[in-house]
Amino acid sequence: MKKTNREQRYSERKNTEFYEFQEKTGIHFQNETLLKQAFTHSSYVNEHRRKPYEDNERLEFLGDAVLELTVSQFLYKTYPVMSEGELTKLRAAVVCEPSLVTFANELEFGKLILLGKGEEMTGGRMRPALLADVFEAYIGALYLDQGMEAVVPFLEKLVFPKISAGAFSHVMDFKSQLQEFVQRELKGSPSYRILEEKGPAHNKEFITEVSLNDIVLGRGAGRSKKEAEQFAARMALEHVKQSK
């Protein structure tokens, strides 16, 4: 009987956590079974075989596809001059495990996961691969519950602003994008020049300017000439697109 009481208290606590999570995100599931399934690890199911639990692996499979499609659509519309290869590279950076872990941690997914005792004891709750899987499973569950109409706004709040803010700029070639945009829209070719070089040899900082026909389009700073040019090109792209 004592064990039953303990299980009852655990179940009530998890229900409260799921309720608070939905309040926090502003997304309330019509089918809460789907929500809980998204956070149910196979180790938990294995330890509760007498109860109707289903793990999140199938939802993870679906969520992976939904996430790729949604991110692909956003990138396609947002970066019209980016090549197929660049789009693929950027998408891979957005949906890779470290990125998904960042998104999951931002919403504190870890504390909601239903884990088996063995997995819990070995630190599974904060294991990167597990958190990434849960994030994909949540996307899959949200898609089944409310469709793309809910998935897109969720990603617009959590993921897309990070892309626009340059969180994945390390895989984006802004110079090539600017070159293509300027040649197509402004019929010219941008040029770069170093305005300033400061700091000791082991810790240099370069300030670079990019211009078109003697009109400054953007400036950027970086630890190398290449990095500074990329930042300058990024600033220039924002400028010319707003001015167009």
Protein backbone atom coordinates (compact mmCIF):
# COMPACT_ATOMS: atom_id res chain seq x y z
CA MET A 1 0.00 0.00 0.00
CA LYS A 2 2.90 2.32 0.83
CA LYS A 3 4.29 1.91 -2.67
CA THR A 4 0.91 2.73 -4.18
CA ASN A 5 0.73 5.94 -2.14
CA ARG A 6 4.21 6.90 -3.27
CA GLU A 7 3.30 6.30 -6.89
CA GLN A 8 0.12 8.32 -6.44
CA ARG A 9 2.07 11.28 -5.04
CA TYR A 10 4.58 11.03 -7.89
CA SER A 11 1.77 10.99 -10.46
CA GLU A 12 0.12 14.03 -8.89
CA ARG A 13 3.42 15.91 -8.82
CA LYS A 14 4.08 15.17 -12.50
CA ASN A 15 0.55 16.27 -13.42
CA THR A 16 1.20 19.56 -11.65
CA GLU A 17 4.51 19.98 -13.48
CA PHE A 18 2.87 19.35 -16.86
CA TYR A 19 0.12 21.83 -16.03
CA GLU A 20 2.68 24.49 -15.03
CA PHE A 21 4.69 23.76 -18.18
CA GLN A 22 1.65 24.39 -20.38
CA GLU A 23 0.91 27.60 -18.50
CA LYS A 24 4.51 28.72 -19.01
CA THR A 25 4.57 28.02 -22.75
CA GLY A 26 1.00 29.16 -23.35
CA ILE A 27 0.41 25.94 -25.29
CA HIS A 28 -2.34 23.76 -23.82
CA PHE A 29 -2.67 20.27 -25.28
CA GLN A 30 -6.09 19.00 -26.23
CA ASN A 31 -4.78 15.47 -25.74
CA GLU A 32 -2.54 15.53 -22.67
CA THR A 33 -1.65 11.88 -23.19
CA LEU A 34 0.36 12.98 -26.23
CA LEU A 35 2.16 15.60 -24.16
CA LYS A 36 3.13 13.09 -21.48
CA GLN A 37 4.17 10.53 -24.07
CA ALA A 38 6.59 13.06 -25.57
CA PHE A 39 8.43 13.09 -22.24
CA THR A 40 8.28 9.34 -21.56
CA HIS A 41 11.60 7.53 -21.99
CA SER A 42 11.67 3.85 -22.91
CA SER A 43 13.35 3.02 -19.57
CA TYR A 44 10.25 4.27 -17.73
CA VAL A 45 7.96 2.15 -19.89
CA ASN A 46 10.11 -0.92 -19.23
CA GLU A 47 9.67 -0.45 -15.47
CA HIS A 48 5.90 0.10 -15.69
CA ARG A 49 4.79 -2.68 -18.01
CA ARG A 50 1.47 -3.21 -16.23
CA LYS A 51 0.36 0.33 -16.99
CA PRO A 52 -0.59 1.78 -20.40
CA TYR A 53 2.55 3.83 -20.98
CA GLU A 54 4.04 4.39 -24.43
CA ASP A 55 7.52 5.79 -24.96
CA ASN A 56 8.38 8.82 -27.09
CA GLU A 57 10.40 7.15 -29.84
CA ARG A 58 7.70 7.25 -32.53
CA LEU A 59 6.90 10.87 -31.68
CA GLU A 60 10.61 11.63 -31.95
CA PHE A 61 10.63 10.14 -35.46
CA LEU A 62 7.71 12.33 -36.50
CA GLY A 63 9.02 15.44 -34.77
CA ASP A 64 12.36 15.14 -36.52
CA ALA A 65 10.62 15.33 -39.91
CA VAL A 66 8.29 18.17 -38.86
CA LEU A 67 11.20 20.18 -37.45
CA GLU A 68 13.29 19.75 -40.60
CA LEU A 69 10.40 20.81 -42.83
CA THR A 70 9.51 23.85 -40.73
CA VAL A 71 13.10 25.05 -40.40
CA SER A 72 13.67 24.45 -44.12
CA GLN A 73 10.65 26.56 -45.02
CA PHE A 74 11.78 29.39 -42.73
CA LEU A 75 15.31 29.39 -44.18
CA TYR A 76 14.03 29.23 -47.76
CA LYS A 77 11.83 32.29 -47.26
CA THR A 78 14.26 34.25 -45.08
CA TYR A 79 17.43 33.83 -47.15
CA PRO A 80 16.45 34.09 -50.84
CA VAL A 81 20.03 34.44 -52.06
CA MET A 82 21.45 31.53 -50.07
CA SER A 83 22.51 28.52 -52.14
CA GLU A 84 21.16 25.02 -51.62
CA GLY A 85 24.44 23.95 -50.05
CA GLU A 86 24.45 26.88 -47.63
CA LEU A 87 20.81 26.28 -46.70
CA THR A 88 21.58 22.63 -45.99
CA LYS A 89 24.56 23.53 -43.82
CA LEU A 90 22.57 26.10 -41.85
CA ARG A 91 19.63 23.76 -41.34
CA ALA A 92 21.99 21.07 -40.08
CA ALA A 93 23.36 23.50 -37.50
CA VAL A 94 19.87 24.46 -36.32
CA VAL A 95 18.58 20.90 -35.89
CA CYS A 96 21.78 19.27 -34.61
CA GLU A 97 21.90 17.74 -31.14
CA PRO A 98 23.68 20.63 -29.32
CA SER A 99 21.13 23.12 -30.68
CA LEU A 100 18.16 20.97 -29.69
CA VAL A 101 19.63 20.56 -26.21
CA THR A 102 19.87 24.35 -25.91
CA PHE A 103 16.21 24.72 -26.90
CA ALA A 104 15.14 21.95 -24.49
CA ASN A 105 17.09 23.44 -21.58
CA GLU A 106 15.62 26.88 -22.21
CA LEU A 107 12.18 25.43 -21.47
CA GLU A 108 13.47 23.13 -18.71
CA PHE A 109 12.40 19.95 -20.47
CA GLY A 110 14.72 17.89 -18.28
CA LYS A 111 12.62 18.06 -15.13
CA LEU A 112 9.52 16.79 -16.97
CA ILE A 113 11.04 13.60 -18.39
CA LEU A 114 9.68 10.30 -17.09
CA LEU A 115 12.70 8.05 -16.57
CA GLY A 116 13.38 4.58 -15.25
CA LYS A 117 15.32 4.38 -11.99
CA GLY A 118 18.47 3.07 -13.63
CA GLU A 119 18.53 5.82 -16.24
CA GLU A 120 17.83 8.40 -13.52
CA MET A 121 20.74 7.18 -11.39
CA THR A 122 23.18 7.50 -14.28
CA GLY A 123 22.25 11.13 -14.97
CA GLY A 124 19.98 10.43 -17.92
CA ARG A 125 17.77 13.41 -17.17
CA MET A 126 20.45 15.80 -18.43
CA ARG A 127 22.00 13.55 -21.07
CA PRO A 128 22.28 15.58 -24.32
CA ALA A 129 21.01 12.86 -26.67
CA LEU A 130 18.00 12.23 -24.45
CA LEU A 131 17.11 15.94 -24.23
CA ALA A 132 17.42 16.33 -28.00
CA ASP A 133 15.14 13.32 -28.52
CA VAL A 134 12.55 14.76 -26.13
CA PHE A 135 12.56 18.09 -27.96
CA GLU A 136 11.84 16.32 -31.26
CA ALA A 137 9.17 14.19 -29.59
CA TYR A 138 7.50 17.33 -28.23
CA ILE A 139 7.40 18.81 -31.74
CA GLY A 140 5.85 15.57 -32.99
CA ALA A 141 3.25 15.58 -30.23
CA LEU A 142 2.38 19.23 -30.81
CA TYR A 143 1.98 18.56 -34.54
CA LEU A 144 -0.41 15.65 -33.92
CA ASP A 145 -2.36 17.62 -31.34
CA GLN A 146 -2.69 20.98 -33.09
CA GLY A 147 -0.95 20.82 -36.48
CA MET A 148 1.50 23.21 -38.09
CA GLU A 149 -0.68 26.08 -36.86
CA ALA A 150 0.82 25.48 -33.40
CA VAL A 151 4.28 24.23 -34.36
CA VAL A 152 5.24 27.29 -36.42
CA PRO A 153 4.37 29.90 -33.73
CA PHE A 154 6.23 27.79 -31.14
CA LEU A 155 9.39 27.78 -33.29
CA GLU A 156 8.90 31.46 -34.14
CA LYS A 157 9.26 32.24 -30.45
CA LEU A 158 11.99 29.78 -29.48
CA VAL A 159 14.14 28.97 -32.52
CA PHE A 160 13.78 31.37 -35.44
CA PRO A 161 14.82 34.52 -33.52
CA LYS A 162 18.12 32.82 -32.68
CA ILE A 163 18.77 32.22 -36.38
CA SER A 164 17.98 35.84 -37.25
CA ALA A 165 20.15 37.08 -34.37
CA GLY A 166 23.19 35.26 -35.77
CA ALA A 167 23.43 32.33 -33.35
CA PHE A 168 24.41 30.12 -36.30
CA SER A 169 26.47 32.67 -38.21
CA HIS A 170 29.53 30.41 -37.93
CA VAL A 171 28.07 28.29 -40.75
CA MET A 172 26.67 31.15 -42.83
CA ASP A 173 28.64 32.72 -45.68
CA PHE A 174 27.38 36.30 -45.57
CA LYS A 175 29.99 37.49 -48.08
CA SER A 176 28.64 35.19 -50.78
CA GLN A 177 25.06 36.20 -49.99
CA LEU A 178 25.94 39.89 -50.20
CA GLN A 179 27.86 39.38 -53.44
CA GLU A 180 24.90 37.61 -55.08
CA PHE A 181 22.36 40.12 -53.78
CA VAL A 182 24.35 43.17 -54.90
CA GLN A 183 25.10 41.73 -58.33
CA ARG A 184 21.45 40.83 -58.89
CA GLU A 185 19.70 43.84 -57.36
CA LEU A 186 22.24 46.68 -57.51
CA LYS A 187 24.33 45.62 -60.52
CA GLY A 188 27.67 45.99 -58.80
CA SER A 189 30.30 44.26 -56.70
CA PRO A 190 31.03 45.08 -53.03
CA SER A 191 34.57 45.84 -51.90
CA TYR A 192 36.16 45.40 -48.47
CA ARG A 193 38.87 47.33 -46.67
CA ILE A 194 40.41 47.15 -43.22
CA LEU A 195 39.75 50.32 -41.23
CA GLU A 196 41.64 49.37 -38.11
CA GLU A 197 43.85 46.65 -36.71
CA LYS A 198 44.42 46.66 -32.97
CA GLY A 199 45.60 44.52 -30.08
CA PRO A 200 48.67 42.29 -29.55
CA ALA A 201 49.64 39.67 -32.12
CA HIS A 202 48.04 36.83 -30.15
CA ASN A 203 44.76 38.72 -29.69
CA LYS A 204 44.19 40.89 -32.75
CA GLU A 205 40.94 42.63 -33.61
CA PHE A 206 40.14 43.79 -37.13
CA ILE A 207 37.58 46.44 -38.09
CA THR A 208 36.41 46.06 -41.69
CA GLU A 209 34.17 48.12 -43.94
CA VAL A 210 32.27 46.97 -47.01
CA SER A 211 31.12 49.46 -49.63
CA LEU A 212 29.57 49.74 -53.07
CA ASN A 213 30.54 52.62 -55.36
CA ASP A 214 32.09 54.46 -52.38
CA ILE A 215 28.88 54.12 -50.35
CA VAL A 216 29.43 52.31 -47.05
CA LEU A 217 27.06 49.37 -46.64
CA GLY A 218 28.29 47.94 -43.35
CA ARG A 219 31.09 47.54 -40.83
CA GLY A 220 32.16 44.60 -38.73
CA ALA A 221 34.75 43.48 -36.20
CA GLY A 222 36.43 40.12 -35.77
CA ARG A 223 39.47 38.23 -34.52
CA SER A 224 40.57 37.68 -38.10
CA LYS A 225 40.19 39.56 -41.37
CA LYS A 226 37.83 36.86 -42.62
CA GLU A 227 35.61 37.05 -39.53
CA ALA A 228 35.47 40.85 -39.69
CA GLU A 229 34.49 40.73 -43.36
CA GLN A 230 31.72 38.23 -42.60
CA PHE A 231 30.28 40.49 -39.89
CA ALA A 232 30.53 43.52 -42.16
CA ALA A 233 28.74 41.60 -44.93
CA ARG A 234 26.02 40.56 -42.51
CA MET A 235 25.43 44.18 -41.47
CA ALA A 236 25.45 45.23 -45.12
CA LEU A 237 22.86 42.60 -46.04
CA GLU A 238 20.50 43.87 -43.37
CA HIS A 239 21.05 47.44 -44.58
CA VAL A 240 20.48 46.85 -48.29
CA LYS A 241 17.41 44.66 -47.71
CA GLN A 242 15.81 47.32 -45.52
CA SER A 243 16.65 50.06 -48.02
CA LYS A 244 15.34 48.14 -51.00
